[in-house]
Structures are given as structure tokens and as C-alpha cells.
């Protein structure tokens, strides 16, 4: 870690998403002077914390121990006491010159006044009124689910060029969305099936290995809200920019990376070349028909959203099919880091104007 920089808190640093977030912050050279972590005492331990160049984060016992003078707090996993802590934070005085910001990747805390949902590479430029009030940063920013980012990237870029009539999406969710225990159970299910042994079902409530589930057979706390969470985030983010599609989440026997099958109907027929021109550009990467289709396995570890060659629907001239894959943990962590970086850049620009 650097000798000078920002005071950073990571809530849920030992979760799969927390571990990926720490990796992304380290890779991007995020300016950290002190790093502290907090775990949910009621939760289950996930993974050992990642080591930075001179040791891992300093562990705090609970949210009450978080110092009031932090710069950024990233929420990478649910915490039973998060709502009370956010309420206390909202009522505590704020340093206008260097405000505290909570970047929530879990989005399971109660909504608070002034919270905001952001995807930096898609966010529209601020209006003149927003630019004048830039010093009044929200205390809590929601960094949306990876599926929300994938769907929004496709819908916003298409809607910016072509009127859209409707859209329907199927999300193919990996075990990593539930946590390390789900990855372990999928592995044990696969091994046990091949050796004709009993299949464990504590997490999935059924056989997921060599199978596909429209829903989990157990009330898994971390898996059940994903579909409704993505729906509500899409409605909040796409309003006035693109129609939000109907979405359905399916659990697939994949360890990492999210896949999306999206059907879109435009008002008028659009040439595939025009669709490619509208969509292509970081972090979206469009494949040609002569190239192999992107897979969830290929997406693991990538910063990009890989999109297969666009397929027109054979029965509807205005319909198109899109297949996209992305590393769900990487995409979510990268978006949170970019939110923090954009705030730092804005503060530096404002300081030059003083």
C-alpha cells in the first residue's frame, strides 16, 4: 500500500466479491493509505483476505469500530447491521471538503435519501445544474449487479440510436453469485455424480451439476433476491433512457461468469452492421460470425463484456438476438472502483477551481 492516499473500508472483504474488489483496487493502483475490513458476525467465513504488498487489511470486529474519518467504504457483502450503520452515518456531520462516500455493491441495505446508482461508462454527462451542485455528493452510491450492467450496456447503446419496442432477457447465473459454499457444493455434486455417490443439496436444494434450475429448491438467502434486485435496478437506471426488459434468472452449472440471452424488437428493421456500430466500444466487444462464440469460461478474468455476432430473428424482421458473457465478480468490482475513481477526479477538478 502507498504511504499517502485514501482511508478505505471494505465491508465483506473475505467474500468472493470482496476478494475481487481488493484485487481490482490493487491492480489499478488505487491510492490507499489505510485499509480496514469488517465481516458480518452472523455470516459464514468465505475466503482468506488477499495480501497487498505489505500485508492485508486491518480487521475490525464490527461496523461500530469504523472510524468516522474514512474516505470510501465499499460494501461487498450483506451485513446484518448495515442499515443501522448507514442511518447513523447519514445523521453524522460530513466534511464538505472531503466527504465520506459509501459504495454499495450488495444493494441489500434499505434505500436512503440521496443514494444514487451509477455505471460510469454509461452515465450521461452531468447537466449544468448537476455540475453546479457537484460538491453535494451522495453519501451512498449503489454500484449495481453485474447483470444490471450487462443489460444496461446493451439497452442504452441500442436505444440511443434506434427506438425499441420491447425486450426480454434470460440471465444464466453461476455458482459464484451465491458464494464459495455454492462453488464447493457444485464441485462435490459433479464428483459424486461421476462416482455414483449421493449428491449434496444443502445450497441448491437440488442437483445443479449437469443440470439447469429455474429456481433454487432452498430459500438460499444470497441467491433468492438477485432476480428482483436486477429488475428494480434496471427500472431505476434505464428510466427515460431505454425501456427495461423483462428478465428471468436461471441457475446454471458454471462456477464463474454470467451469461445473458437478450431478445430485442426495434420499431423498424435495422441492418446488422448498424447494430454493431451502435454497440461496439469498451467494455463491449462484438464478435464476427466467422469467430468462435464467447463463453462463460472465456469471460472469466476479463474486464470486457463479450458479445456474440448479432442474430436477426428469422420470424420477426425487427427482432434481434444478443448473447453476451462477462465475469460477474470482475465486472461488479471494476464498476465500483471506477465510481470511486470518477469521484476522485471530480474532486481534483473542483479543487483547481477554488
Protein backbone atom coordinates (compact mmCIF):
# COMPACT_ATOMS: atom_id res chain seq x y z
CA UNK A 1 0.00 0.00 0.00
CA UNK A 2 1.08 3.56 -0.59
CA UNK A 3 2.27 5.82 2.21
CA UNK A 4 -0.16 8.58 1.20
CA UNK A 5 -3.64 8.20 -0.09
CA UNK A 6 -7.17 7.43 0.98
CA UNK A 7 -8.66 5.72 4.03
CA UNK A 8 -10.64 2.77 2.69
CA UNK A 9 -13.06 0.38 4.39
CA UNK A 10 -14.23 -2.89 2.79
CA UNK A 11 -17.29 -4.49 4.38
CA UNK A 12 -17.28 -8.17 3.46
CA UNK A 13 -13.70 -8.29 2.23
CA UNK A 14 -13.50 -12.08 2.61
CA UNK A 15 -16.45 -12.74 0.27
CA UNK A 16 -15.82 -13.68 -3.34
CA UNK A 17 -16.84 -10.20 -4.46
CA UNK A 18 -14.81 -8.55 -1.69
CA UNK A 19 -11.72 -10.51 -2.68
CA UNK A 20 -12.18 -9.50 -6.32
CA UNK A 21 -12.67 -5.87 -5.32
CA UNK A 22 -9.41 -5.85 -3.39
CA UNK A 23 -7.65 -7.40 -6.38
CA UNK A 24 -9.05 -4.75 -8.75
CA UNK A 25 -8.14 -1.86 -6.41
CA UNK A 26 -4.61 -3.23 -6.12
CA UNK A 27 -4.21 -3.76 -9.88
CA UNK A 28 -5.43 -0.24 -10.67
CA UNK A 29 -3.11 1.38 -8.15
CA UNK A 30 -5.96 2.85 -6.14
CA UNK A 31 -4.36 5.38 -3.73
CA UNK A 32 -4.82 3.73 -0.33
CA UNK A 33 -3.11 4.93 2.84
CA UNK A 34 -5.07 2.70 5.24
CA UNK A 35 -7.26 -0.33 4.55
CA UNK A 36 -9.65 -1.85 7.08
CA UNK A 37 -12.13 -4.70 6.71
CA UNK A 38 -15.31 -5.67 8.56
CA UNK A 39 -17.10 -9.02 8.38
CA UNK A 40 -20.68 -9.85 9.34
CA UNK A 41 -20.54 -11.69 12.70
CA UNK A 42 -23.71 -13.56 11.74
CA UNK A 43 -22.39 -14.61 8.35
CA UNK A 44 -20.22 -17.53 7.33
CA UNK A 45 -16.50 -17.12 6.65
CA UNK A 46 -15.66 -17.14 2.96
CA UNK A 47 -12.04 -16.80 1.86
CA UNK A 48 -8.74 -15.67 3.35
CA UNK A 49 -8.14 -11.97 2.72
CA UNK A 50 -5.91 -11.02 -0.16
CA UNK A 51 -2.42 -9.82 0.75
CA UNK A 52 -1.39 -6.38 -0.51
CA UNK A 53 2.30 -5.60 -0.92
CA UNK A 54 2.77 -5.10 2.83
CA UNK A 55 0.09 -7.24 4.42
CA UNK A 56 -3.66 -7.50 4.21
CA UNK A 57 -6.37 -5.20 5.56
CA UNK A 58 -6.63 -4.46 9.26
CA UNK A 59 -9.65 -6.40 10.56
CA UNK A 60 -12.30 -4.61 12.61
CA UNK A 61 -14.72 -6.57 14.80
CA UNK A 62 -17.88 -4.70 13.82
CA UNK A 63 -19.24 -1.69 11.95
CA UNK A 64 -19.21 0.44 15.11
CA UNK A 65 -15.39 0.35 15.04
CA UNK A 66 -15.20 2.03 11.63
CA UNK A 67 -13.55 5.43 12.14
CA UNK A 68 -15.67 8.42 11.19
CA UNK A 69 -12.93 9.97 9.03
CA UNK A 70 -12.80 7.32 6.28
CA UNK A 71 -12.87 8.36 2.62
CA UNK A 72 -14.51 5.38 0.90
CA UNK A 73 -16.39 2.38 2.30
CA UNK A 74 -17.14 -0.44 -0.14
CA UNK A 75 -19.97 -2.83 0.82
CA UNK A 76 -19.06 -6.12 -0.87
CA UNK A 77 -21.34 -8.44 1.13
CA UNK A 78 -24.52 -8.13 3.22
CA UNK A 79 -24.14 -7.25 6.89
CA UNK A 80 -26.92 -7.58 9.44
CA UNK A 81 -26.14 -4.21 11.00
CA UNK A 82 -25.55 -2.31 7.78
CA UNK A 83 -28.90 -0.49 7.81
CA UNK A 84 -28.35 0.92 11.30
CA UNK A 85 -24.80 1.93 10.43
CA UNK A 86 -25.92 3.74 7.28
CA UNK A 87 -28.61 5.57 9.24
CA UNK A 88 -26.06 6.64 11.84
CA UNK A 89 -23.71 7.73 9.06
CA UNK A 90 -26.46 9.75 7.41
CA UNK A 91 -27.14 11.64 10.65
CA UNK A 92 -23.48 12.34 11.44
CA UNK A 93 -21.74 15.54 10.28
CA UNK A 94 -20.00 15.43 6.90
CA UNK A 95 -16.73 17.08 5.91
CA UNK A 96 -17.68 19.16 2.87
CA UNK A 97 -14.07 19.37 1.66
CA UNK A 98 -13.52 15.59 1.78
CA UNK A 99 -16.89 13.84 2.17
CA UNK A 100 -17.28 10.20 3.13
CA UNK A 101 -18.83 8.01 0.44
CA UNK A 102 -20.29 4.50 0.77
CA UNK A 103 -20.21 2.49 -2.46
CA UNK A 104 -22.66 -0.36 -2.03
CA UNK A 105 -22.13 -3.42 -4.22
CA UNK A 106 -24.59 -5.57 -2.28
CA UNK A 107 -27.61 -3.24 -2.61
CA UNK A 108 -29.44 -5.05 0.18
CA UNK A 109 -29.40 -2.16 2.65
CA UNK A 110 -32.54 -0.02 2.97
CA UNK A 111 -32.66 2.81 0.45
CA UNK A 112 -31.63 6.15 1.89
CA UNK A 113 -32.32 9.65 0.70
CA UNK A 114 -29.61 10.89 -1.61
CA UNK A 115 -28.37 7.46 -2.68
CA UNK A 116 -27.52 7.09 -6.34
CA UNK A 117 -26.99 4.26 -8.85
CA UNK A 118 -24.06 4.64 -11.22
CA UNK A 119 -22.37 2.90 -14.14
CA UNK A 120 -19.55 5.32 -15.07
CA UNK A 121 -19.02 4.19 -18.67
CA UNK A 122 -22.77 4.56 -19.35
CA UNK A 123 -23.73 7.52 -17.15
CA UNK A 124 -24.80 10.59 -19.13
CA UNK A 125 -22.70 13.74 -18.69
CA UNK A 126 -23.97 15.92 -15.83
CA UNK A 127 -26.30 18.78 -16.68
CA UNK A 128 -25.35 22.34 -15.80
CA UNK A 129 -27.45 22.17 -12.62
CA UNK A 130 -25.85 18.87 -11.62
CA UNK A 131 -22.41 20.27 -12.35
CA UNK A 132 -23.01 23.29 -10.11
CA UNK A 133 -24.07 21.01 -7.25
CA UNK A 134 -21.17 18.60 -7.71
CA UNK A 135 -19.87 19.36 -4.25
CA UNK A 136 -23.00 17.81 -2.76
CA UNK A 137 -22.03 14.20 -3.38
CA UNK A 138 -24.43 11.45 -2.29
CA UNK A 139 -23.36 9.68 0.88
CA UNK A 140 -24.26 6.29 -0.58
CA UNK A 141 -23.80 5.22 -4.19
CA UNK A 142 -25.16 1.91 -5.45
CA UNK A 143 -22.81 0.03 -7.74
CA UNK A 144 -25.27 -2.30 -9.48
CA UNK A 145 -25.21 -6.02 -10.01
CA UNK A 146 -23.12 -7.30 -12.93
CA UNK A 147 -26.29 -8.45 -14.71
CA UNK A 148 -27.70 -4.92 -14.46
CA UNK A 149 -24.52 -3.55 -16.02
CA UNK A 150 -24.63 -6.07 -18.88
CA UNK A 151 -28.29 -5.48 -19.75
CA UNK A 152 -27.99 -1.70 -19.35
CA UNK A 153 -24.93 -1.52 -21.61
CA UNK A 154 -26.81 -3.22 -24.45
CA UNK A 155 -30.14 -1.44 -23.95
CA UNK A 156 -28.74 2.08 -23.50
CA UNK A 157 -26.48 1.89 -26.54
CA UNK A 158 -29.23 0.45 -28.73
CA UNK A 159 -31.87 2.92 -27.53
CA UNK A 160 -29.52 5.84 -28.22
CA UNK A 161 -29.74 5.02 -31.95
CA UNK A 162 -32.98 3.09 -32.53
CA UNK A 163 -36.47 3.19 -30.96
CA UNK A 164 -37.05 -0.07 -29.07
CA UNK A 165 -40.45 -1.74 -28.90
CA UNK A 166 -39.74 -4.45 -26.29
CA UNK A 167 -37.05 -6.70 -24.85
CA UNK A 168 -36.81 -9.96 -22.91
CA UNK A 169 -33.68 -11.31 -21.24
CA UNK A 170 -32.59 -14.60 -19.66
CA UNK A 171 -29.71 -14.43 -17.19
CA UNK A 172 -27.61 -17.55 -16.66
CA UNK A 173 -26.21 -17.22 -13.16
CA UNK A 174 -23.05 -19.00 -11.94
CA UNK A 175 -22.46 -20.55 -8.53
CA UNK A 176 -20.11 -17.70 -7.59
CA UNK A 177 -23.15 -15.41 -7.27
CA UNK A 178 -24.17 -17.36 -4.16
CA UNK A 179 -20.71 -17.68 -2.63
CA UNK A 180 -17.80 -20.02 -2.04
CA UNK A 181 -20.03 -22.65 -0.39
CA UNK A 182 -22.05 -22.86 -3.61
CA UNK A 183 -18.87 -23.35 -5.65
CA UNK A 184 -17.80 -26.10 -3.26
CA UNK A 185 -21.20 -27.84 -3.49
CA UNK A 186 -21.24 -27.70 -7.30
CA UNK A 187 -17.79 -29.28 -7.34
CA UNK A 188 -18.85 -32.02 -4.90
CA UNK A 189 -22.05 -32.66 -6.86
CA UNK A 190 -20.04 -33.18 -10.04
CA UNK A 191 -17.54 -35.52 -8.40
CA UNK A 192 -20.21 -37.51 -6.58
CA UNK A 193 -22.34 -37.97 -9.69
CA UNK A 194 -19.38 -39.33 -11.63
CA UNK A 195 -18.58 -41.73 -8.78
CA UNK A 196 -22.24 -42.75 -8.22
CA UNK A 197 -22.43 -41.26 -4.73
CA UNK A 198 -25.13 -39.22 -3.00
CA UNK A 199 -25.37 -35.65 -4.30
CA UNK A 200 -25.20 -32.87 -1.65
CA UNK A 201 -28.04 -30.35 -1.97
CA UNK A 202 -27.74 -28.02 1.03
CA UNK A 203 -27.14 -24.88 -1.06
CA UNK A 204 -29.02 -25.50 -4.30
CA UNK A 205 -31.82 -27.68 -2.91
CA UNK A 206 -31.45 -29.98 -5.91
CA UNK A 207 -28.98 -31.29 -8.45
CA UNK A 208 -27.34 -28.46 -10.37
CA UNK A 209 -24.38 -30.39 -11.80
CA UNK A 210 -25.15 -31.42 -15.42
CA UNK A 211 -28.48 -29.67 -14.95
CA UNK A 212 -30.23 -26.29 -15.01
CA UNK A 213 -32.56 -24.89 -12.35
CA UNK A 214 -35.22 -22.19 -12.86
CA UNK A 215 -35.03 -21.50 -9.12
CA UNK A 216 -33.26 -22.89 -6.08
CA UNK A 217 -35.02 -25.56 -4.07
CA UNK A 218 -33.92 -23.97 -0.80
CA UNK A 219 -34.50 -20.42 0.47
CA UNK A 220 -30.87 -19.51 -0.06
CA UNK A 221 -30.59 -16.01 1.37
CA UNK A 222 -27.94 -14.82 -1.07
CA UNK A 223 -29.48 -16.21 -4.25
CA UNK A 224 -33.22 -15.51 -4.00
CA UNK A 225 -33.09 -11.67 -4.23
CA UNK A 226 -30.84 -11.47 -7.31
CA UNK A 227 -33.65 -11.55 -9.90
CA UNK A 228 -35.79 -8.92 -8.16
CA UNK A 229 -32.70 -6.87 -7.40
CA UNK A 230 -31.73 -6.73 -11.08
CA UNK A 231 -35.28 -5.84 -12.10
CA UNK A 232 -35.50 -2.91 -9.68
CA UNK A 233 -32.04 -1.65 -10.64
CA UNK A 234 -32.88 -1.79 -14.34
CA UNK A 235 -36.07 0.20 -13.76
CA UNK A 236 -34.14 2.81 -11.78
CA UNK A 237 -31.23 3.12 -14.22
CA UNK A 238 -32.98 2.83 -17.58
CA UNK A 239 -35.79 5.26 -16.88
CA UNK A 240 -36.03 7.92 -19.62
CA UNK A 241 -33.13 6.25 -21.46
CA UNK A 242 -34.39 2.85 -22.62
CA UNK A 243 -37.32 0.50 -21.97
CA UNK A 244 -36.44 -2.02 -19.29
CA UNK A 245 -36.70 -5.63 -20.43
CA UNK A 246 -38.50 -8.47 -18.69
CA UNK A 247 -35.78 -10.64 -17.14
CA UNK A 248 -35.63 -14.18 -15.78
CA UNK A 249 -32.69 -15.69 -13.90
CA UNK A 250 -31.68 -19.32 -14.32
CA UNK A 251 -29.09 -21.15 -12.21
CA UNK A 252 -26.53 -22.97 -14.38
CA UNK A 253 -23.75 -25.44 -13.50
CA UNK A 254 -20.97 -22.91 -14.06
CA UNK A 255 -18.53 -21.71 -11.41
CA UNK A 256 -17.80 -18.19 -12.66
CA UNK A 257 -19.15 -15.64 -15.18
CA UNK A 258 -22.66 -14.50 -16.08
CA UNK A 259 -24.31 -15.11 -19.46
CA UNK A 260 -27.18 -13.15 -20.98
CA UNK A 261 -29.54 -14.03 -23.82
CA UNK A 262 -31.38 -10.84 -24.80
CA UNK A 263 -34.14 -10.57 -27.41
CA UNK A 264 -34.87 -7.03 -28.60
CA UNK A 265 -37.52 -5.77 -31.01
CA UNK A 266 -36.91 -2.37 -32.56
CA UNK A 267 -39.66 -0.25 -34.09
CA UNK A 268 -38.12 -0.58 -37.55
CA UNK A 269 -35.84 -3.13 -39.11
CA UNK A 270 -32.15 -2.31 -38.54
CA UNK A 271 -29.21 -3.62 -40.57
CA UNK A 272 -26.82 -5.80 -38.51
CA UNK A 273 -23.89 -3.54 -39.43
CA UNK A 274 -25.71 -0.56 -37.90
CA UNK A 275 -26.39 -2.58 -34.73
CA UNK A 276 -22.72 -3.46 -34.42
CA UNK A 277 -21.72 0.19 -34.89
CA UNK A 278 -24.14 1.22 -32.12
CA UNK A 279 -22.98 -1.41 -29.63
CA UNK A 280 -19.25 -1.80 -30.19
CA UNK A 281 -16.91 0.06 -27.86
CA UNK A 282 -15.38 -0.58 -24.47
CA UNK A 283 -16.20 -2.54 -22.45
CA UNK A 284 -18.39 -4.26 -25.07
CA UNK A 285 -16.52 -6.35 -27.62
CA UNK A 286 -18.60 -7.65 -30.57
CA UNK A 287 -17.62 -10.90 -32.30
CA UNK A 288 -17.91 -11.54 -36.02
CA UNK A 289 -19.81 -14.50 -37.35
CA UNK A 290 -16.53 -16.07 -38.50
CA UNK A 291 -15.17 -16.03 -34.93
CA UNK A 292 -15.99 -18.55 -32.23
CA UNK A 293 -18.84 -17.55 -29.89
CA UNK A 294 -17.84 -16.20 -26.46
CA UNK A 295 -18.48 -18.47 -23.47
CA UNK A 296 -18.71 -18.03 -19.73
CA UNK A 297 -15.42 -19.90 -19.35
CA UNK A 298 -13.69 -17.48 -21.72
CA UNK A 299 -15.07 -14.43 -19.90
CA UNK A 300 -13.58 -15.39 -16.53
CA UNK A 301 -10.91 -12.84 -15.57
CA UNK A 302 -11.78 -10.42 -18.38
CA UNK A 303 -12.70 -6.74 -17.95
CA UNK A 304 -14.86 -6.86 -21.09
CA UNK A 305 -18.44 -7.80 -21.91
CA UNK A 306 -18.09 -10.23 -24.79
CA UNK A 307 -20.98 -10.15 -27.28
CA UNK A 308 -21.52 -12.77 -29.97
CA UNK A 309 -22.35 -11.94 -33.59
CA UNK A 310 -25.82 -10.36 -33.73
CA UNK A 311 -28.51 -12.75 -34.95
CA UNK A 312 -31.64 -11.34 -36.64
CA UNK A 313 -34.80 -13.23 -35.70
CA UNK A 314 -35.98 -15.44 -38.56
CA UNK A 315 -39.70 -14.81 -37.90
CA UNK A 316 -39.70 -11.11 -36.96
CA UNK A 317 -37.85 -8.61 -39.20
CA UNK A 318 -37.48 -6.14 -36.31
CA UNK A 319 -36.24 -8.76 -33.82
CA UNK A 320 -32.60 -9.42 -32.90
CA UNK A 321 -30.90 -11.89 -30.57
CA UNK A 322 -27.91 -10.92 -28.46
CA UNK A 323 -25.67 -13.28 -26.50
CA UNK A 324 -23.26 -11.70 -24.00
CA UNK A 325 -20.96 -13.04 -21.29
CA UNK A 326 -18.94 -11.33 -18.58
CA UNK A 327 -17.04 -12.16 -15.41
CA UNK A 328 -19.73 -11.27 -12.86
CA UNK A 329 -17.35 -10.64 -9.95
CA UNK A 330 -14.82 -8.74 -12.03
CA UNK A 331 -17.43 -6.54 -13.73
CA UNK A 332 -19.10 -5.58 -10.45
CA UNK A 333 -15.79 -4.87 -8.70
CA UNK A 334 -14.45 -2.86 -11.64
CA UNK A 335 -17.58 -0.71 -11.75
CA UNK A 336 -17.25 0.09 -8.04
CA UNK A 337 -13.60 1.04 -8.47
CA UNK A 338 -14.45 3.27 -11.43
CA UNK A 339 -17.15 5.03 -9.38
CA UNK A 340 -14.58 5.88 -6.71
CA UNK A 341 -12.04 6.98 -9.33
CA UNK A 342 -14.59 9.26 -11.02
CA UNK A 343 -15.34 10.92 -7.68
CA UNK A 344 -11.62 11.45 -7.03
CA UNK A 345 -11.21 13.04 -10.48
CA UNK A 346 -14.22 15.31 -9.87
CA UNK A 347 -12.84 16.44 -6.51
CA UNK A 348 -9.45 17.20 -8.03
CA UNK A 349 -11.09 19.23 -10.80
CA UNK A 350 -13.14 21.20 -8.28
CA UNK A 351 -10.08 21.88 -6.13
CA UNK A 352 -8.38 23.53 -9.11
CA UNK A 353 -11.34 25.89 -9.47
CA UNK A 354 -11.16 27.12 -5.87
